[in-house]
Protein backbone atom coordinates (compact mmCIF):
# COMPACT_ATOMS: atom_id res chain seq x y z
CA MET A 1 18.25 1.97 -22.67
CA VAL A 2 15.43 3.50 -23.69
CA GLY A 3 17.17 6.39 -25.25
CA ASN A 4 17.87 4.60 -28.83
CA CYS A 5 14.71 1.85 -28.36
CA ASP A 6 16.78 -0.54 -29.54
CA ARG A 7 16.01 -3.21 -26.59
CA PRO A 8 12.84 -3.99 -25.00
CA GLU A 9 12.50 -2.64 -21.32
CA LYS A 10 10.81 -5.22 -19.41
CA THR A 11 11.79 -4.02 -15.95
CA TYR A 12 8.12 -1.34 -15.23
CA LYS A 13 6.76 -4.83 -14.66
CA LYS A 14 8.73 -5.75 -11.63
CA LEU A 15 9.17 -2.40 -10.31
CA PHE A 16 5.83 -1.42 -10.97
CA GLY A 17 3.94 -3.92 -10.70
CA SER A 18 3.58 -4.26 -6.99
CA LYS A 19 3.07 -1.12 -6.44
CA ILE A 20 -0.23 -0.71 -9.37
CA LYS A 21 -1.34 -4.54 -7.72
CA ARG A 22 -0.83 -2.60 -3.63
CA LEU A 23 -2.82 0.15 -4.92
CA GLU A 24 -5.23 -1.58 -6.67
CA SER A 25 -6.12 -3.79 -3.32
CA THR A 26 -6.27 -0.31 -1.13
CA GLN A 27 -8.86 0.98 -3.77
CA TYR A 28 -12.01 3.49 -2.33
CA LYS A 29 -14.97 2.53 -1.95
CA ARG A 30 -18.04 3.27 -3.73
CA GLY A 31 -21.63 2.36 -3.47
CA LYS A 32 -22.67 -1.22 -2.45
CA GLY A 33 -19.21 -2.65 -1.78
CA MET A 34 -18.07 -1.80 -4.80
CA GLU A 35 -14.34 -0.72 -5.16
CA VAL A 36 -13.25 0.96 -7.12
CA TYR A 37 -10.29 3.81 -8.63
CA ILE A 38 -11.79 6.20 -10.97
CA ALA A 39 -10.00 7.28 -13.86
CA HIS A 40 -12.78 8.85 -15.98
CA ILE A 41 -16.69 9.81 -15.74
CA ASN A 42 -18.25 10.25 -19.45
CA GLU A 43 -21.82 11.62 -19.93
CA ALA A 44 -23.68 8.72 -19.38
CA GLY A 45 -22.02 8.19 -16.08
CA GLU A 46 -20.30 5.35 -17.11
CA ILE A 47 -16.87 4.99 -15.23
CA GLN A 48 -13.68 4.03 -16.39
CA THR A 49 -10.76 2.51 -13.68
CA VAL A 50 -7.33 4.21 -13.60
CA LYS A 51 -6.32 0.24 -14.64
CA ASP A 52 -7.96 0.13 -17.29
CA HIS A 53 -7.20 3.48 -18.35
CA LEU A 54 -3.80 2.76 -17.94
CA GLN A 55 -3.24 0.03 -19.79
CA GLY A 56 -5.47 0.61 -22.58
CA THR A 57 -3.21 3.81 -23.09
CA ALA A 58 -0.39 1.69 -22.57
CA GLU A 59 -1.04 -0.86 -25.53
CA ARG A 60 -2.08 2.23 -28.18
CA ALA A 61 1.44 3.76 -27.14
CA LYS A 62 3.07 0.42 -27.35
CA GLN A 63 1.61 0.36 -30.79
CA PHE A 64 2.33 3.98 -31.97
CA ALA A 65 6.01 3.43 -30.54
CA ALA A 66 6.63 0.30 -32.45
CA GLU A 67 6.42 2.04 -35.51
CA PHE A 68 9.83 3.96 -34.50
CA GLY A 69 10.95 0.96 -32.31
CA CYS A 70 10.18 2.23 -29.54
CA GLY A 71 7.25 -0.15 -28.40
CA GLU A 72 8.17 -1.12 -24.88
CA ALA A 73 8.98 2.93 -24.13
CA GLY A 74 5.91 4.02 -25.04
CA TYR A 75 3.94 1.64 -23.33
CA LEU A 76 5.97 2.62 -19.95
CA CYS A 77 4.46 6.00 -20.84
CA GLY A 78 1.38 4.94 -21.43
CA LEU A 79 1.31 2.80 -17.79
CA MET A 80 2.72 6.02 -15.99
CA HIS A 81 0.92 8.83 -17.73
CA ASP A 82 -2.06 8.87 -15.12
CA ILE A 83 -0.75 6.90 -12.28
CA GLY A 84 -1.33 10.33 -10.49
CA LYS A 85 -4.62 9.44 -10.65
CA TYR A 86 -4.52 6.97 -8.19
CA SER A 87 -4.12 9.64 -5.28
CA VAL A 88 -6.39 10.89 -3.06
CA GLU A 89 -6.73 14.32 -3.75
CA PHE A 90 -7.78 12.86 -7.54
CA GLN A 91 -10.26 10.59 -6.37
CA LYS A 92 -11.86 13.44 -4.09
CA ARG A 93 -12.09 15.58 -6.80
CA ILE A 94 -13.58 13.22 -10.15
CA ARG A 95 -16.45 12.17 -6.94
CA ASP A 96 -17.37 15.66 -5.53
CA PRO A 97 -18.73 17.46 -8.96
CA GLU A 98 -18.52 20.75 -6.42
CA HIS A 99 -14.66 20.11 -6.02
CA THR A 100 -13.40 22.26 -8.89
CA ARG A 101 -9.60 22.94 -7.39
CA LYS A 102 -7.38 21.00 -9.71
CA VAL A 103 -5.46 18.15 -8.68
CA ASP A 104 -1.90 17.72 -10.62
CA HIS A 105 -2.53 14.11 -12.03
CA ALA A 106 0.22 14.27 -15.00
CA THR A 107 3.55 14.54 -12.97
CA ALA A 108 3.20 11.68 -10.69
CA GLY A 109 4.64 9.55 -13.08
CA ALA A 110 6.80 11.37 -14.31
CA ARG A 111 8.47 11.96 -11.11
CA GLU A 112 8.60 7.80 -10.83
CA LEU A 113 10.13 7.65 -13.66
CA ARG A 114 12.94 9.88 -12.85
CA SER A 115 13.71 8.58 -10.05
CA MET A 116 14.38 5.10 -11.54
CA SER A 117 16.92 6.46 -13.47
CA PRO A 118 18.45 9.53 -15.06
CA GLU A 119 18.01 7.08 -18.21
CA TYR A 120 14.23 7.52 -17.95
CA THR A 121 14.38 11.12 -18.27
CA PRO A 122 12.86 11.51 -21.46
CA MET A 123 10.31 9.20 -20.99
CA ALA A 124 9.80 11.17 -17.85
CA MET A 125 9.29 14.35 -19.64
CA ALA A 126 6.79 12.89 -22.10
CA VAL A 127 4.60 11.58 -19.58
CA ALA A 128 5.06 15.35 -17.61
CA GLY A 129 3.72 17.18 -20.95
CA HIS A 130 1.27 14.70 -21.93
CA HIS A 131 -1.67 17.54 -21.50
CA SER A 132 0.57 20.76 -21.30
CA GLY A 133 3.10 20.23 -24.03
CA LEU A 134 6.82 18.85 -24.34
CA MET A 135 9.49 20.30 -22.14
CA ASP A 136 12.55 21.51 -23.80
CA GLY A 137 14.97 19.81 -20.92
CA GLY A 138 15.88 23.16 -19.31
CA LEU A 139 17.58 25.55 -22.15
CA VAL A 140 17.17 28.12 -22.05
CA ARG A 141 16.41 30.14 -25.35
CA THR A 142 17.19 33.91 -26.37
CA SER A 143 16.04 35.97 -28.88
CA GLN A 144 19.36 35.64 -30.63
CA ALA A 145 19.28 32.14 -30.28
CA GLN A 146 16.07 31.98 -31.85
CA ASP A 147 17.29 34.07 -34.74
CA ARG A 148 20.31 31.49 -36.24
């Protein structure tokens, strides 16, 4: 499993490959027939697609995590970290500057990972906390425990 990262986890390709292909095939239309899911728009107006963002992040996370033997787990975390940007709500927000309501895109990947297996909980926590910080797994800390 991923907990000790001693064997590669290639299951994400089997589990998520068809879901990502389905999402990409039902893309939003923008402009003259151009279809795209947007992850980011920089100040120059250049668009980074969700697919490119997730794949690039996955490759970088794999490189970082390989340093401690968890490259494949890092890849999966990178691939899942912003999968919520495929949501209709997020796509509306990024396309409309007047739409300022926050859209939760960070927890979708965590929910997907957690629904697959309890073994993916550590990765789900990392994905869920990629904007807000890591959770403590539900541990309750009292002032007495903190003093030890």
